[in-house]
Amino acid sequence: MEKLTNHPITEREKEVISLIYKGLTYNEIADNLIISPATVRKHTENIYRKLSVHNKVEAIHKCIEKKILKF
């Protein structure tokens, strides 16, 4: 069984991946969460690293598979 990194997905990262799932752009996510687009990118990079994935589709799939988020 594949193991996630020792660092769990934070609540903010869950918010970001949820909005990515809904199809929002980084700029729209930034506006929605009142953060900068650069911060959205950093959260996304952290999510990819923690889940050992390389793109949005893989991240969403793994979040659903690992029951990190329920869409």
PDB file of N, CA and C in Angstrom:
ATOM      1  N   MET A   1       0.841  -1.182   0.000  1.00  0.00           N
ATOM      2  CA  MET A   1       0.000   0.000   0.000  1.00  0.00           C
ATOM      3  C   MET A   1       0.880   1.238   0.000  1.00  0.00           C
ATOM      4  N   GLU A   2       0.530   2.183  -0.846  1.00  0.00           N
ATOM      5  CA  GLU A   2       1.287   3.419  -0.982  1.00  0.00           C
ATOM      6  C   GLU A   2       1.112   4.299   0.249  1.00  0.00           C
ATOM      7  N   LYS A   3       2.190   4.884   0.712  1.00  0.00           N
ATOM      8  CA  LYS A   3       2.145   5.700   1.915  1.00  0.00           C
ATOM      9  C   LYS A   3       2.330   7.176   1.560  1.00  0.00           C
ATOM     10  N   LEU A   4       1.511   8.044   2.155  1.00  0.00           N
ATOM     11  CA  LEU A   4       1.674   9.478   1.971  1.00  0.00           C
ATOM     12  C   LEU A   4       2.863   9.945   2.799  1.00  0.00           C
ATOM     13  N   THR A   5       3.357  11.125   2.484  1.00  0.00           N
ATOM     14  CA  THR A   5       4.460  11.664   3.267  1.00  0.00           C
ATOM     15  C   THR A   5       4.009  11.856   4.699  1.00  0.00           C
ATOM     16  N   ASN A   6       4.958  12.139   5.580  1.00  0.00           N
ATOM     17  CA  ASN A   6       4.650  12.315   6.998  1.00  0.00           C
ATOM     18  C   ASN A   6       3.845  13.572   7.282  1.00  0.00           C
ATOM     19  N   HIS A   7       3.752  14.445   6.310  1.00  0.00           N
ATOM     20  CA  HIS A   7       3.042  15.696   6.508  1.00  0.00           C
ATOM     21  C   HIS A   7       1.635  15.587   5.930  1.00  0.00           C
ATOM     22  N   PRO A   8       0.611  15.688   6.775  1.00  0.00           N
ATOM     23  CA  PRO A   8      -0.754  15.582   6.274  1.00  0.00           C
ATOM     24  C   PRO A   8      -1.159  16.811   5.466  1.00  0.00           C
ATOM     25  N   ILE A   9      -2.156  16.637   4.646  1.00  0.00           N
ATOM     26  CA  ILE A   9      -2.728  17.742   3.887  1.00  0.00           C
ATOM     27  C   ILE A   9      -3.418  18.681   4.876  1.00  0.00           C
ATOM     28  N   THR A  10      -3.082  19.965   4.809  1.00  0.00           N
ATOM     29  CA  THR A  10      -3.676  20.944   5.733  1.00  0.00           C
ATOM     30  C   THR A  10      -5.092  21.312   5.293  1.00  0.00           C
ATOM     31  N   GLU A  11      -5.809  21.954   6.187  1.00  0.00           N
ATOM     32  CA  GLU A  11      -7.171  22.402   5.848  1.00  0.00           C
ATOM     33  C   GLU A  11      -7.136  23.369   4.668  1.00  0.00           C
ATOM     34  N   ARG A  12      -6.161  24.274   4.644  1.00  0.00           N
ATOM     35  CA  ARG A  12      -6.058  25.234   3.538  1.00  0.00           C
ATOM     36  C   ARG A  12      -5.773  24.504   2.237  1.00  0.00           C
ATOM     37  N   GLU A  13      -4.909  23.510   2.275  1.00  0.00           N
ATOM     38  CA  GLU A  13      -4.620  22.723   1.073  1.00  0.00           C
ATOM     39  C   GLU A  13      -5.865  21.970   0.611  1.00  0.00           C
ATOM     40  N   LYS A  14      -6.665  21.510   1.547  1.00  0.00           N
ATOM     41  CA  LYS A  14      -7.932  20.860   1.179  1.00  0.00           C
ATOM     42  C   LYS A  14      -8.859  21.850   0.486  1.00  0.00           C
ATOM     43  N   GLU A  15      -8.882  23.091   0.975  1.00  0.00           N
ATOM     44  CA  GLU A  15      -9.696  24.129   0.325  1.00  0.00           C
ATOM     45  C   GLU A  15      -9.206  24.362  -1.102  1.00  0.00           C
ATOM     46  N   VAL A  16      -7.899  24.452  -1.257  1.00  0.00           N
ATOM     47  CA  VAL A  16      -7.319  24.699  -2.578  1.00  0.00           C
ATOM     48  C   VAL A  16      -7.648  23.553  -3.534  1.00  0.00           C
ATOM     49  N   ILE A  17      -7.410  22.318  -3.134  1.00  0.00           N
ATOM     50  CA  ILE A  17      -7.656  21.185  -4.037  1.00  0.00           C
ATOM     51  C   ILE A  17      -9.145  21.053  -4.349  1.00  0.00           C
ATOM     52  N   SER A  18      -9.991  21.401  -3.403  1.00  0.00           N
ATOM     53  CA  SER A  18     -11.434  21.369  -3.642  1.00  0.00           C
ATOM     54  C   SER A  18     -11.828  22.383  -4.717  1.00  0.00           C
ATOM     55  N   LEU A  19     -11.241  23.562  -4.672  1.00  0.00           N
ATOM     56  CA  LEU A  19     -11.541  24.584  -5.668  1.00  0.00           C
ATOM     57  C   LEU A  19     -10.921  24.240  -7.021  1.00  0.00           C
ATOM     58  N   ILE A  20      -9.773  23.588  -7.009  1.00  0.00           N
ATOM     59  CA  ILE A  20      -9.190  23.095  -8.260  1.00  0.00           C
ATOM     60  C   ILE A  20     -10.136  22.080  -8.887  1.00  0.00           C
ATOM     61  N   TYR A  21     -10.670  21.186  -8.059  1.00  0.00           N
ATOM     62  CA  TYR A  21     -11.620  20.179  -8.535  1.00  0.00           C
ATOM     63  C   TYR A  21     -12.831  20.836  -9.195  1.00  0.00           C
ATOM     64  N   LYS A  22     -13.273  21.966  -8.643  1.00  0.00           N
ATOM     65  CA  LYS A  22     -14.433  22.682  -9.183  1.00  0.00           C
ATOM     66  C   LYS A  22     -14.105  23.434 -10.467  1.00  0.00           C
ATOM     67  N   GLY A  23     -12.819  23.423 -10.866  1.00  0.00           N
ATOM     68  CA  GLY A  23     -12.440  24.012 -12.140  1.00  0.00           C
ATOM     69  C   GLY A  23     -11.988  25.456 -12.067  1.00  0.00           C
ATOM     70  N   LEU A  24     -11.778  25.990 -10.864  1.00  0.00           N
ATOM     71  CA  LEU A  24     -11.334  27.366 -10.747  1.00  0.00           C
ATOM     72  C   LEU A  24      -9.860  27.500 -11.131  1.00  0.00           C
ATOM     73  N   THR A  25      -9.511  28.658 -11.678  1.00  0.00           N
ATOM     74  CA  THR A  25      -8.119  28.950 -11.999  1.00  0.00           C
ATOM     75  C   THR A  25      -7.405  29.372 -10.722  1.00  0.00           C
ATOM     76  N   TYR A  26      -6.076  29.441 -10.792  1.00  0.00           N
ATOM     77  CA  TYR A  26      -5.310  29.896  -9.626  1.00  0.00           C
ATOM     78  C   TYR A  26      -5.735  31.309  -9.215  1.00  0.00           C
ATOM     79  N   ASN A  27      -5.971  32.178 -10.192  1.00  0.00           N
ATOM     80  CA  ASN A  27      -6.405  33.542  -9.875  1.00  0.00           C
ATOM     81  C   ASN A  27      -7.775  33.554  -9.199  1.00  0.00           C
ATOM     82  N   GLU A  28      -8.690  32.721  -9.674  1.00  0.00           N
ATOM     83  CA  GLU A  28     -10.027  32.634  -9.064  1.00  0.00           C
ATOM     84  C   GLU A  28      -9.938  32.065  -7.649  1.00  0.00           C
ATOM     85  N   ILE A  29      -9.101  31.060  -7.464  1.00  0.00           N
ATOM     86  CA  ILE A  29      -8.905  30.482  -6.130  1.00  0.00           C
ATOM     87  C   ILE A  29      -8.332  31.540  -5.198  1.00  0.00           C
ATOM     88  N   ALA A  30      -7.348  32.290  -5.682  1.00  0.00           N
ATOM     89  CA  ALA A  30      -6.727  33.356  -4.880  1.00  0.00           C
ATOM     90  C   ALA A  30      -7.782  34.378  -4.451  1.00  0.00           C
ATOM     91  N   ASP A  31      -8.623  34.799  -5.371  1.00  0.00           N
ATOM     92  CA  ASP A  31      -9.686  35.757  -5.046  1.00  0.00           C
ATOM     93  C   ASP A  31     -10.655  35.171  -4.036  1.00  0.00           C
ATOM     94  N   ASN A  32     -10.996  33.922  -4.235  1.00  0.00           N
ATOM     95  CA  ASN A  32     -11.950  33.233  -3.362  1.00  0.00           C
ATOM     96  C   ASN A  32     -11.425  33.108  -1.928  1.00  0.00           C
ATOM     97  N   LEU A  33     -10.144  32.798  -1.790  1.00  0.00           N
ATOM     98  CA  LEU A  33      -9.552  32.552  -0.471  1.00  0.00           C
ATOM     99  C   LEU A  33      -8.834  33.781   0.103  1.00  0.00           C
ATOM    100  N   ILE A  34      -8.846  34.865  -0.670  1.00  0.00           N
ATOM    101  CA  ILE A  34      -8.193  36.118  -0.284  1.00  0.00           C
ATOM    102  C   ILE A  34      -6.701  35.882   0.012  1.00  0.00           C
ATOM    103  N   ILE A  35      -6.046  35.257  -0.959  1.00  0.00           N
ATOM    104  CA  ILE A  35      -4.601  35.035  -0.918  1.00  0.00           C
ATOM    105  C   ILE A  35      -4.061  35.356  -2.308  1.00  0.00           C
ATOM    106  N   SER A  36      -2.755  35.379  -2.465  1.00  0.00           N
ATOM    107  CA  SER A  36      -2.178  35.684  -3.774  1.00  0.00           C
ATOM    108  C   SER A  36      -2.139  34.432  -4.655  1.00  0.00           C
ATOM    109  N   PRO A  37      -2.122  34.633  -5.974  1.00  0.00           N
ATOM    110  CA  PRO A  37      -1.970  33.476  -6.873  1.00  0.00           C
ATOM    111  C   PRO A  37      -0.676  32.706  -6.599  1.00  0.00           C
ATOM    112  N   ALA A  38       0.375  33.399  -6.186  1.00  0.00           N
ATOM    113  CA  ALA A  38       1.635  32.722  -5.855  1.00  0.00           C
ATOM    114  C   ALA A  38       1.450  31.789  -4.662  1.00  0.00           C
ATOM    115  N   THR A  39       0.637  32.196  -3.707  1.00  0.00           N
ATOM    116  CA  THR A  39       0.356  31.338  -2.545  1.00  0.00           C
ATOM    117  C   THR A  39      -0.446  30.120  -2.973  1.00  0.00           C
ATOM    118  N   VAL A  40      -1.378  30.306  -3.890  1.00  0.00           N
ATOM    119  CA  VAL A  40      -2.147  29.171  -4.425  1.00  0.00           C
ATOM    120  C   VAL A  40      -1.189  28.184  -5.087  1.00  0.00           C
ATOM    121  N   ARG A  41      -0.256  28.702  -5.891  1.00  0.00           N
ATOM    122  CA  ARG A  41       0.726  27.832  -6.547  1.00  0.00           C
ATOM    123  C   ARG A  41       1.564  27.074  -5.519  1.00  0.00           C
ATOM    124  N   LYS A  42       1.960  27.749  -4.457  1.00  0.00           N
ATOM    125  CA  LYS A  42       2.771  27.100  -3.417  1.00  0.00           C
ATOM    126  C   LYS A  42       1.971  26.000  -2.718  1.00  0.00           C
ATOM    127  N   HIS A  43       0.716  26.284  -2.391  1.00  0.00           N
ATOM    128  CA  HIS A  43      -0.137  25.247  -1.791  1.00  0.00           C
ATOM    129  C   HIS A  43      -0.254  24.051  -2.737  1.00  0.00           C
ATOM    130  N   THR A  44      -0.428  24.343  -4.027  1.00  0.00           N
ATOM    131  CA  THR A  44      -0.567  23.272  -5.014  1.00  0.00           C
ATOM    132  C   THR A  44       0.717  22.443  -5.094  1.00  0.00           C
ATOM    133  N   GLU A  45       1.865  23.104  -5.098  1.00  0.00           N
ATOM    134  CA  GLU A  45       3.141  22.383  -5.093  1.00  0.00           C
ATOM    135  C   GLU A  45       3.256  21.493  -3.859  1.00  0.00           C
ATOM    136  N   ASN A  46       2.854  22.013  -2.710  1.00  0.00           N
ATOM    137  CA  ASN A  46       2.907  21.232  -1.471  1.00  0.00           C
ATOM    138  C   ASN A  46       1.999  20.012  -1.552  1.00  0.00           C
ATOM    139  N   ILE A  47       0.822  20.197  -2.113  1.00  0.00           N
ATOM    140  CA  ILE A  47      -0.119  19.081  -2.279  1.00  0.00           C
ATOM    141  C   ILE A  47       0.511  18.010  -3.171  1.00  0.00           C
ATOM    142  N   TYR A  48       1.067  18.430  -4.313  1.00  0.00           N
ATOM    143  CA  TYR A  48       1.692  17.475  -5.231  1.00  0.00           C
ATOM    144  C   TYR A  48       2.801  16.698  -4.534  1.00  0.00           C
ATOM    145  N   ARG A  49       3.637  17.412  -3.788  1.00  0.00           N
ATOM    146  CA  ARG A  49       4.758  16.775  -3.091  1.00  0.00           C
ATOM    147  C   ARG A  49       4.243  15.778  -2.053  1.00  0.00           C
ATOM    148  N   LYS A  50       3.276  16.201  -1.257  1.00  0.00           N
ATOM    149  CA  LYS A  50       2.758  15.329  -0.196  1.00  0.00           C
ATOM    150  C   LYS A  50       2.081  14.085  -0.759  1.00  0.00           C
ATOM    151  N   LEU A  51       1.432  14.222  -1.908  1.00  0.00           N
ATOM    152  CA  LEU A  51       0.722  13.088  -2.505  1.00  0.00           C
ATOM    153  C   LEU A  51       1.577  12.309  -3.511  1.00  0.00           C
ATOM    154  N   SER A  52       2.769  12.811  -3.796  1.00  0.00           N
ATOM    155  CA  SER A  52       3.653  12.199  -4.801  1.00  0.00           C
ATOM    156  C   SER A  52       2.968  12.109  -6.159  1.00  0.00           C
ATOM    157  N   VAL A  53       2.436  13.250  -6.607  1.00  0.00           N
ATOM    158  CA  VAL A  53       1.784  13.336  -7.913  1.00  0.00           C
ATOM    159  C   VAL A  53       2.421  14.476  -8.697  1.00  0.00           C
ATOM    160  N   HIS A  54       2.033  14.587  -9.984  1.00  0.00           N
ATOM    161  CA  HIS A  54       2.649  15.583 -10.856  1.00  0.00           C
ATOM    162  C   HIS A  54       1.665  16.543 -11.503  1.00  0.00           C
ATOM    163  N   ASN A  55       0.371  16.343 -11.301  1.00  0.00           N
ATOM    164  CA  ASN A  55      -0.588  17.256 -11.916  1.00  0.00           C
ATOM    165  C   ASN A  55      -1.913  17.256 -11.150  1.00  0.00           C
ATOM    166  N   LYS A  56      -2.798  18.149 -11.566  1.00  0.00           N
ATOM    167  CA  LYS A  56      -4.082  18.337 -10.883  1.00  0.00           C
ATOM    168  C   LYS A  56      -4.947  17.081 -10.913  1.00  0.00           C
ATOM    169  N   VAL A  57      -4.986  16.433 -12.071  1.00  0.00           N
ATOM    170  CA  VAL A  57      -5.828  15.243 -12.211  1.00  0.00           C
ATOM    171  C   VAL A  57      -5.362  14.145 -11.253  1.00  0.00           C
ATOM    172  N   GLU A  58      -4.062  13.908 -11.203  1.00  0.00           N
ATOM    173  CA  GLU A  58      -3.526  12.897 -10.282  1.00  0.00           C
ATOM    174  C   GLU A  58      -3.804  13.280  -8.830  1.00  0.00           C
ATOM    175  N   ALA A  59      -3.665  14.560  -8.512  1.00  0.00           N
ATOM    176  CA  ALA A  59      -3.896  15.019  -7.135  1.00  0.00           C
ATOM    177  C   ALA A  59      -5.346  14.793  -6.729  1.00  0.00           C
ATOM    178  N   ILE A  60      -6.268  15.166  -7.586  1.00  0.00           N
ATOM    179  CA  ILE A  60      -7.694  14.984  -7.277  1.00  0.00           C
ATOM    180  C   ILE A  60      -8.015  13.502  -7.136  1.00  0.00           C
ATOM    181  N   HIS A  61      -7.509  12.699  -8.075  1.00  0.00           N
ATOM    182  CA  HIS A  61      -7.759  11.254  -8.018  1.00  0.00           C
ATOM    183  C   HIS A  61      -7.245  10.665  -6.703  1.00  0.00           C
ATOM    184  N   LYS A  62      -6.035  11.036  -6.311  1.00  0.00           N
ATOM    185  CA  LYS A  62      -5.446  10.483  -5.091  1.00  0.00           C
ATOM    186  C   LYS A  62      -6.211  10.967  -3.852  1.00  0.00           C
ATOM    187  N   CYS A  63      -6.670  12.224  -3.864  1.00  0.00           N
ATOM    188  CA  CYS A  63      -7.449  12.745  -2.732  1.00  0.00           C
ATOM    189  C   CYS A  63      -8.746  11.966  -2.557  1.00  0.00           C
ATOM    190  N   ILE A  64      -9.369  11.631  -3.658  1.00  0.00           N
ATOM    191  CA  ILE A  64     -10.599  10.839  -3.586  1.00  0.00           C
ATOM    192  C   ILE A  64     -10.279   9.415  -3.146  1.00  0.00           C
ATOM    193  N   GLU A  65      -9.260   8.834  -3.751  1.00  0.00           N
ATOM    194  CA  GLU A  65      -8.858   7.454  -3.447  1.00  0.00           C
ATOM    195  C   GLU A  65      -8.474   7.292  -1.967  1.00  0.00           C
ATOM    196  N   LYS A  66      -7.729   8.252  -1.429  1.00  0.00           N
ATOM    197  CA  LYS A  66      -7.266   8.182  -0.042  1.00  0.00           C
ATOM    198  C   LYS A  66      -8.263   8.765   0.952  1.00  0.00           C
ATOM    199  N   LYS A  67      -9.433   9.167   0.432  1.00  0.00           N
ATOM    200  CA  LYS A  67     -10.498   9.726   1.273  1.00  0.00           C
ATOM    201  C   LYS A  67     -10.045  10.959   2.050  1.00  0.00           C
ATOM    202  N   ILE A  68      -9.114  11.707   1.437  1.00  0.00           N
ATOM    203  CA  ILE A  68      -8.691  12.985   2.009  1.00  0.00           C
ATOM    204  C   ILE A  68      -9.832  13.980   1.818  1.00  0.00           C
ATOM    205  N   LEU A  69     -10.453  13.903   0.670  1.00  0.00           N
ATOM    206  CA  LEU A  69     -11.624  14.728   0.365  1.00  0.00           C
ATOM    207  C   LEU A  69     -12.710  13.830  -0.197  1.00  0.00           C
ATOM    208  N   LYS A  70     -13.932  14.228   0.061  1.00  0.00           N
ATOM    209  CA  LYS A  70     -15.072  13.504  -0.500  1.00  0.00           C
ATOM    210  C   LYS A  70     -15.828  14.473  -1.387  1.00  0.00           C
ATOM    211  N   PHE A  71     -15.775  14.230  -2.690  1.00  0.00           N
ATOM    212  CA  PHE A  71     -16.438  15.121  -3.638  1.00  0.00           C
ATOM    213  C   PHE A  71     -17.807  14.596  -3.960  1.00  0.00           C
TER     214      PHE A  71
END
